[in-house]
């Protein structure tokens, strides 16, 4: 599992993010405080406080993980 800190601070970013990660056949969780949401759920994402960075847990390994990291890179914040 890989954890990244991401920002989804607009409706367009959320829609684009969900469209991108839905192409992969592995699990993604968004963690904000004590809430854990399926990252492929637009409604779930909108239940979070999107003004703050969110942790993205990616449950993948190997070359699949490398491909996913390239796709989610625009949302990652340091």
N, C-alpha and C. Protein backbone atom coordinates (compact mmCIF):
# COMPACT_ATOMS: atom_id res chain seq x y z
N UNK A 1 0.84 -1.18 0.00
CA UNK A 1 0.00 0.00 0.00
C UNK A 1 0.88 1.25 0.00
N UNK A 2 0.46 2.24 -0.77
CA UNK A 2 1.18 3.51 -0.87
C UNK A 2 0.23 4.62 -0.43
N UNK A 3 0.73 5.55 0.38
CA UNK A 3 -0.09 6.68 0.84
C UNK A 3 0.49 7.98 0.31
N UNK A 4 -0.38 8.80 -0.27
CA UNK A 4 -0.01 10.11 -0.80
C UNK A 4 -0.93 11.17 -0.22
N UNK A 5 -0.46 12.38 -0.13
CA UNK A 5 -1.31 13.51 0.29
C UNK A 5 -1.74 14.23 -0.98
N UNK A 6 -3.07 14.35 -1.17
CA UNK A 6 -3.59 14.97 -2.39
C UNK A 6 -4.52 16.13 -2.06
N UNK A 7 -4.79 16.94 -3.08
CA UNK A 7 -5.72 18.05 -2.96
C UNK A 7 -6.79 17.92 -4.03
N UNK A 8 -8.05 17.93 -3.62
CA UNK A 8 -9.19 17.90 -4.54
C UNK A 8 -10.08 19.09 -4.20
N UNK A 9 -9.60 20.29 -4.52
CA UNK A 9 -10.27 21.50 -4.04
C UNK A 9 -11.25 22.12 -5.03
N UNK A 10 -11.67 21.37 -6.05
CA UNK A 10 -12.70 21.87 -6.96
C UNK A 10 -13.53 20.71 -7.50
N UNK A 11 -14.73 21.02 -7.94
CA UNK A 11 -15.63 19.99 -8.48
C UNK A 11 -15.00 19.33 -9.70
N UNK A 12 -14.40 20.13 -10.57
CA UNK A 12 -13.77 19.57 -11.77
C UNK A 12 -12.62 18.62 -11.43
N UNK A 13 -11.84 18.98 -10.41
CA UNK A 13 -10.74 18.10 -9.98
C UNK A 13 -11.28 16.77 -9.46
N UNK A 14 -12.36 16.82 -8.69
CA UNK A 14 -12.95 15.59 -8.14
C UNK A 14 -13.44 14.69 -9.28
N UNK A 15 -14.15 15.26 -10.24
CA UNK A 15 -14.67 14.47 -11.36
C UNK A 15 -13.54 13.85 -12.17
N UNK A 16 -12.52 14.65 -12.48
CA UNK A 16 -11.39 14.14 -13.26
C UNK A 16 -10.65 13.04 -12.50
N UNK A 17 -10.45 13.25 -11.19
CA UNK A 17 -9.75 12.28 -10.35
C UNK A 17 -10.49 10.93 -10.34
N UNK A 18 -11.80 10.97 -10.11
CA UNK A 18 -12.59 9.73 -10.05
C UNK A 18 -12.58 9.03 -11.41
N UNK A 19 -12.69 9.79 -12.50
CA UNK A 19 -12.64 9.18 -13.84
C UNK A 19 -11.31 8.49 -14.08
N UNK A 20 -10.22 9.10 -13.64
CA UNK A 20 -8.89 8.52 -13.85
C UNK A 20 -8.69 7.23 -13.05
N UNK A 21 -9.00 7.27 -11.75
CA UNK A 21 -8.71 6.09 -10.92
C UNK A 21 -9.71 4.96 -11.13
N UNK A 22 -10.89 5.27 -11.67
CA UNK A 22 -11.89 4.22 -11.92
C UNK A 22 -11.44 3.25 -13.01
N UNK A 23 -10.44 3.63 -13.78
CA UNK A 23 -9.91 2.76 -14.84
C UNK A 23 -9.09 1.60 -14.28
N UNK A 24 -8.70 1.69 -12.99
CA UNK A 24 -7.84 0.67 -12.39
C UNK A 24 -8.67 -0.30 -11.56
N UNK A 25 -8.24 -1.58 -11.59
CA UNK A 25 -8.96 -2.63 -10.87
C UNK A 25 -8.28 -2.91 -9.52
N UNK A 26 -8.15 -1.86 -8.72
CA UNK A 26 -7.62 -2.03 -7.37
C UNK A 26 -8.32 -1.02 -6.46
N UNK A 27 -8.08 -1.12 -5.17
CA UNK A 27 -8.79 -0.28 -4.22
C UNK A 27 -8.04 1.01 -3.92
N UNK A 28 -8.81 2.08 -3.75
CA UNK A 28 -8.30 3.39 -3.38
C UNK A 28 -9.14 3.90 -2.22
N UNK A 29 -8.50 4.35 -1.15
CA UNK A 29 -9.22 4.93 -0.02
C UNK A 29 -8.76 6.36 0.18
N UNK A 30 -9.72 7.24 0.52
CA UNK A 30 -9.38 8.60 0.92
C UNK A 30 -9.60 8.69 2.41
N UNK A 31 -8.60 9.21 3.14
CA UNK A 31 -8.66 9.30 4.60
C UNK A 31 -8.58 10.76 5.00
N UNK A 32 -9.62 11.22 5.69
CA UNK A 32 -9.66 12.59 6.19
C UNK A 32 -10.10 12.51 7.64
N UNK A 33 -9.15 12.74 8.55
CA UNK A 33 -9.47 12.58 9.98
C UNK A 33 -9.80 11.14 10.28
N UNK A 34 -10.98 10.91 10.82
CA UNK A 34 -11.38 9.53 11.14
C UNK A 34 -12.26 8.91 10.07
N UNK A 35 -12.47 9.63 8.96
CA UNK A 35 -13.32 9.13 7.87
C UNK A 35 -12.48 8.45 6.81
N UNK A 36 -12.93 7.28 6.37
CA UNK A 36 -12.30 6.55 5.27
C UNK A 36 -13.36 6.34 4.20
N UNK A 37 -13.09 6.85 3.01
CA UNK A 37 -14.06 6.85 1.91
C UNK A 37 -13.46 6.11 0.72
N UNK A 38 -14.31 5.38 -0.02
CA UNK A 38 -13.88 4.78 -1.28
C UNK A 38 -13.60 5.92 -2.26
N UNK A 39 -12.39 6.01 -2.76
CA UNK A 39 -11.99 7.13 -3.62
C UNK A 39 -12.67 7.11 -4.98
N UNK A 40 -13.32 6.00 -5.33
CA UNK A 40 -14.03 5.92 -6.61
C UNK A 40 -15.47 6.43 -6.48
N UNK A 41 -15.85 6.87 -5.28
CA UNK A 41 -17.20 7.35 -5.02
C UNK A 41 -17.24 8.88 -5.00
N UNK A 42 -17.85 9.46 -6.04
CA UNK A 42 -17.94 10.92 -6.09
C UNK A 42 -18.73 11.44 -4.90
N UNK A 43 -19.85 10.80 -4.57
CA UNK A 43 -20.67 11.24 -3.44
C UNK A 43 -19.88 11.14 -2.13
N UNK A 44 -19.11 10.08 -1.98
CA UNK A 44 -18.29 9.92 -0.79
C UNK A 44 -17.26 11.03 -0.66
N UNK A 45 -16.62 11.38 -1.76
CA UNK A 45 -15.61 12.43 -1.74
C UNK A 45 -16.23 13.76 -1.33
N UNK A 46 -17.42 14.06 -1.84
CA UNK A 46 -18.06 15.33 -1.51
C UNK A 46 -18.52 15.39 -0.06
N UNK A 47 -18.50 14.25 0.65
CA UNK A 47 -18.85 14.27 2.07
C UNK A 47 -17.66 14.68 2.94
N UNK A 48 -16.47 14.78 2.32
CA UNK A 48 -15.25 15.16 3.05
C UNK A 48 -15.04 16.68 3.00
N UNK A 49 -14.18 17.17 3.89
CA UNK A 49 -13.78 18.58 3.87
C UNK A 49 -12.69 18.73 2.81
N UNK A 50 -13.06 19.23 1.64
CA UNK A 50 -12.12 19.30 0.51
C UNK A 50 -11.22 20.52 0.55
N UNK A 51 -11.38 21.37 1.56
CA UNK A 51 -10.51 22.54 1.67
C UNK A 51 -9.15 22.17 2.25
N UNK A 52 -9.04 20.97 2.80
CA UNK A 52 -7.78 20.50 3.40
C UNK A 52 -7.21 19.35 2.58
N UNK A 53 -5.90 19.12 2.67
CA UNK A 53 -5.32 17.95 1.99
C UNK A 53 -5.90 16.65 2.54
N UNK A 54 -5.99 15.65 1.68
CA UNK A 54 -6.56 14.35 2.03
C UNK A 54 -5.50 13.28 1.75
N UNK A 55 -5.46 12.24 2.58
CA UNK A 55 -4.54 11.13 2.32
C UNK A 55 -5.20 10.12 1.39
N UNK A 56 -4.48 9.73 0.35
CA UNK A 56 -4.94 8.72 -0.60
C UNK A 56 -4.15 7.45 -0.36
N UNK A 57 -4.84 6.36 -0.02
CA UNK A 57 -4.20 5.06 0.13
C UNK A 57 -4.45 4.26 -1.14
N UNK A 58 -3.37 3.83 -1.77
CA UNK A 58 -3.46 3.05 -3.01
C UNK A 58 -3.08 1.61 -2.68
N UNK A 59 -3.99 0.68 -2.94
CA UNK A 59 -3.75 -0.73 -2.64
C UNK A 59 -3.34 -1.44 -3.93
N UNK A 60 -2.09 -1.21 -4.36
CA UNK A 60 -1.56 -1.81 -5.58
C UNK A 60 -0.06 -1.97 -5.43
N UNK A 61 0.52 -2.77 -6.33
CA UNK A 61 1.97 -3.02 -6.28
C UNK A 61 2.55 -3.05 -7.69
N UNK A 62 3.87 -2.98 -7.74
CA UNK A 62 4.61 -3.18 -8.99
C UNK A 62 4.32 -2.15 -10.06
N UNK A 63 4.24 -2.63 -11.31
CA UNK A 63 4.07 -1.73 -12.45
C UNK A 63 2.71 -1.04 -12.43
N UNK A 64 1.69 -1.71 -11.86
CA UNK A 64 0.38 -1.07 -11.73
C UNK A 64 0.50 0.16 -10.85
N UNK A 65 1.23 0.04 -9.75
CA UNK A 65 1.42 1.18 -8.85
C UNK A 65 2.14 2.32 -9.56
N UNK A 66 3.16 2.00 -10.35
CA UNK A 66 3.89 3.03 -11.09
C UNK A 66 2.97 3.78 -12.04
N UNK A 67 2.09 3.04 -12.72
CA UNK A 67 1.14 3.67 -13.65
C UNK A 67 0.17 4.56 -12.90
N UNK A 68 -0.33 4.09 -11.76
CA UNK A 68 -1.26 4.87 -10.95
C UNK A 68 -0.60 6.15 -10.45
N UNK A 69 0.63 6.04 -9.99
CA UNK A 69 1.34 7.23 -9.48
C UNK A 69 1.48 8.29 -10.56
N UNK A 70 1.70 7.87 -11.79
CA UNK A 70 1.80 8.83 -12.90
C UNK A 70 0.46 9.51 -13.15
N UNK A 71 -0.63 8.76 -13.02
CA UNK A 71 -1.97 9.30 -13.26
C UNK A 71 -2.40 10.27 -12.17
N UNK A 72 -2.09 9.96 -10.92
CA UNK A 72 -2.56 10.82 -9.80
C UNK A 72 -1.57 11.95 -9.49
N UNK A 73 -0.45 11.99 -10.18
CA UNK A 73 0.59 12.99 -9.90
C UNK A 73 0.07 14.45 -9.90
N UNK A 74 -0.84 14.83 -10.82
CA UNK A 74 -1.33 16.23 -10.81
C UNK A 74 -2.07 16.62 -9.53
N UNK A 75 -2.54 15.65 -8.76
CA UNK A 75 -3.31 15.93 -7.54
C UNK A 75 -2.44 15.91 -6.28
N UNK A 76 -1.22 15.39 -6.41
CA UNK A 76 -0.34 15.20 -5.25
C UNK A 76 0.24 16.54 -4.81
N UNK A 77 0.26 16.73 -3.48
CA UNK A 77 0.91 17.91 -2.92
C UNK A 77 2.00 17.44 -1.97
N UNK A 78 3.04 18.21 -1.82
CA UNK A 78 4.14 17.81 -0.93
C UNK A 78 3.96 18.43 0.43
